[in-house]
Amino acid sequence: MKKIILLLTLLVGRLAVQADDYAYLTFEMTDGAKVSVPVEESLPLTINATTLTAGSQTFSLSKLSKMYFSVSDEQTTSLYTFIINTIMNPSSDEDDIKKADINGDGKVNVADVVTLTNDGH
């Protein structure tokens, strides 16, 4: 891993990434957390010692497990943040409402929180 980082640092320094069909570059950490960074016309990637910077996000290389292009935002949040932002205060966006309706009953309410915690999502 250190050889790859050194090679990238020496040869690339700064890399502009373009992805025609992918809207996000997703970074997965060693603890399983994911952060998705939007890819627009170009996304500057910079490696500096022990950190990788993609746009405005900075990652510790020792905690980075993998990165890949994705068509959707795969960013993960804590269960509490998900419940508050998605289930208890869903936006009017249809996709957000579908995400919040965990038990599939067509309603967004405390039953979705119970299903989420019981099923271990």
Protein backbone atom coordinates (compact mmCIF):
# COMPACT_ATOMS: atom_id res chain seq x y z
CA MET A 1 0.00 0.00 0.00
CA LYS A 2 2.81 2.41 0.85
CA LYS A 3 4.48 1.69 -2.49
CA ILE A 4 1.28 2.50 -4.33
CA ILE A 5 0.84 5.73 -2.39
CA LEU A 6 4.44 6.75 -3.06
CA LEU A 7 4.10 5.92 -6.74
CA LEU A 8 0.89 7.92 -7.03
CA THR A 9 2.44 10.83 -5.20
CA LEU A 10 5.52 10.89 -7.43
CA LEU A 11 3.83 10.28 -10.76
CA VAL A 12 0.45 11.89 -10.39
CA GLY A 13 0.52 14.49 -7.64
CA ARG A 14 -2.76 15.85 -8.81
CA LEU A 15 -5.28 13.88 -10.86
CA ALA A 16 -8.47 15.05 -12.52
CA VAL A 17 -11.06 12.29 -12.63
CA GLN A 18 -13.84 12.22 -15.19
CA ALA A 19 -16.65 9.70 -15.21
CA ASP A 20 -19.32 9.94 -17.89
CA ASP A 21 -22.02 7.73 -16.40
CA TYR A 22 -21.16 7.99 -12.72
CA ALA A 23 -22.30 10.87 -10.56
CA TYR A 24 -20.23 10.03 -7.44
CA LEU A 25 -16.84 8.80 -6.33
CA THR A 26 -17.48 6.80 -3.16
CA PHE A 27 -14.87 6.24 -0.47
CA GLU A 28 -15.30 3.33 1.94
CA MET A 29 -13.47 3.50 5.26
CA THR A 30 -12.04 0.55 7.18
CA ASP A 31 -14.97 0.81 9.63
CA GLY A 32 -17.49 0.42 6.78
CA ALA A 33 -18.59 4.06 6.67
CA LYS A 34 -19.00 5.50 3.18
CA VAL A 35 -18.63 9.04 1.88
CA SER A 36 -19.74 9.91 -1.65
CA VAL A 37 -18.26 12.93 -3.40
CA PRO A 38 -20.11 14.34 -6.43
CA VAL A 39 -18.19 14.09 -9.69
CA GLU A 40 -18.90 17.05 -11.91
CA GLU A 41 -16.84 17.97 -14.98
CA SER A 42 -13.69 17.10 -13.07
CA LEU A 43 -12.80 16.17 -9.52
CA PRO A 44 -9.33 17.07 -8.30
CA LEU A 45 -7.63 14.32 -6.28
CA THR A 46 -4.58 15.23 -4.26
CA ILE A 47 -2.38 12.95 -2.18
CA ASN A 48 -0.32 14.67 0.49
CA ALA A 49 1.70 12.46 2.86
CA THR A 50 -0.99 10.49 4.73
CA THR A 51 -4.13 12.15 3.34
CA LEU A 52 -6.16 12.02 0.17
CA THR A 53 -8.25 15.04 -0.78
CA ALA A 54 -11.13 14.69 -3.23
CA GLY A 55 -12.78 18.02 -3.88
CA SER A 56 -13.51 19.44 -0.42
CA GLN A 57 -13.35 16.07 1.42
CA THR A 58 -10.13 14.88 3.08
CA PHE A 59 -9.49 11.25 4.04
CA SER A 60 -6.78 9.59 6.10
CA LEU A 61 -5.13 6.98 3.87
CA SER A 62 -4.72 4.59 6.80
CA LYS A 63 -8.52 4.54 7.28
CA LEU A 64 -9.40 4.28 3.59
CA SER A 65 -10.43 0.78 2.51
CA LYS A 66 -11.45 1.41 -1.09
CA MET A 67 -12.86 3.94 -3.52
CA TYR A 68 -15.07 3.40 -6.53
CA PHE A 69 -17.41 5.24 -8.88
CA SER A 70 -21.13 4.96 -8.16
CA VAL A 71 -24.33 6.15 -9.79
CA SER A 72 -25.93 7.23 -6.50
CA ASP A 73 -24.88 8.85 -3.23
CA GLU A 74 -23.90 5.94 -0.94
CA GLN A 75 -22.90 8.05 2.04
CA THR A 76 -23.72 6.33 5.31
CA THR A 77 -24.82 8.05 8.48
CA SER A 78 -25.38 6.96 12.04
CA LEU A 79 -28.69 5.30 12.88
CA TYR A 80 -29.72 8.33 14.95
CA THR A 81 -29.00 10.77 12.09
CA PHE A 82 -30.83 8.53 9.62
CA ILE A 83 -33.91 8.33 11.88
CA ILE A 84 -34.04 12.07 12.55
CA ASN A 85 -33.31 13.26 9.01
CA THR A 86 -34.98 10.58 6.91
CA ILE A 87 -37.79 9.02 8.93
CA MET A 88 -38.92 11.72 11.34
CA ASN A 89 -38.39 14.66 8.95
CA PRO A 90 -38.59 13.27 5.41
CA SER A 91 -38.43 15.72 2.54
CA SER A 92 -41.18 15.85 -0.05
CA ASP A 93 -38.85 14.15 -2.53
CA GLU A 94 -40.39 10.83 -3.57
CA ASP A 95 -37.05 8.97 -3.37
CA ASP A 96 -36.49 10.18 0.20
CA ILE A 97 -39.99 9.08 1.19
CA LYS A 98 -39.33 5.61 -0.27
CA LYS A 99 -36.08 5.39 1.74
CA ALA A 100 -37.90 6.42 4.92
CA ASP A 101 -40.73 3.89 4.47
CA ILE A 102 -38.63 1.02 5.84
CA ASN A 103 -41.51 -1.41 6.45
CA GLY A 104 -43.19 -0.70 3.09
CA ASP A 105 -46.63 0.18 4.47
CA GLY A 106 -46.85 3.45 2.50
CA LYS A 107 -46.52 5.58 5.64
CA VAL A 108 -43.53 7.17 7.34
CA ASN A 109 -43.86 6.83 11.10
CA VAL A 110 -42.43 5.22 14.25
CA ALA A 111 -43.20 1.75 12.87
CA ASP A 112 -40.40 2.33 10.36
CA VAL A 113 -37.98 3.04 13.22
CA VAL A 114 -39.04 -0.20 14.95
CA THR A 115 -38.58 -2.19 11.72
CA LEU A 116 -35.19 -0.58 11.14
CA THR A 117 -33.89 -1.42 14.60
CA ASN A 118 -35.37 -4.94 14.68
CA ASP A 119 -34.09 -5.91 11.23
CA GLY A 120 -30.62 -4.45 11.89
CA HIS A 121 -30.48 -2.33 8.72
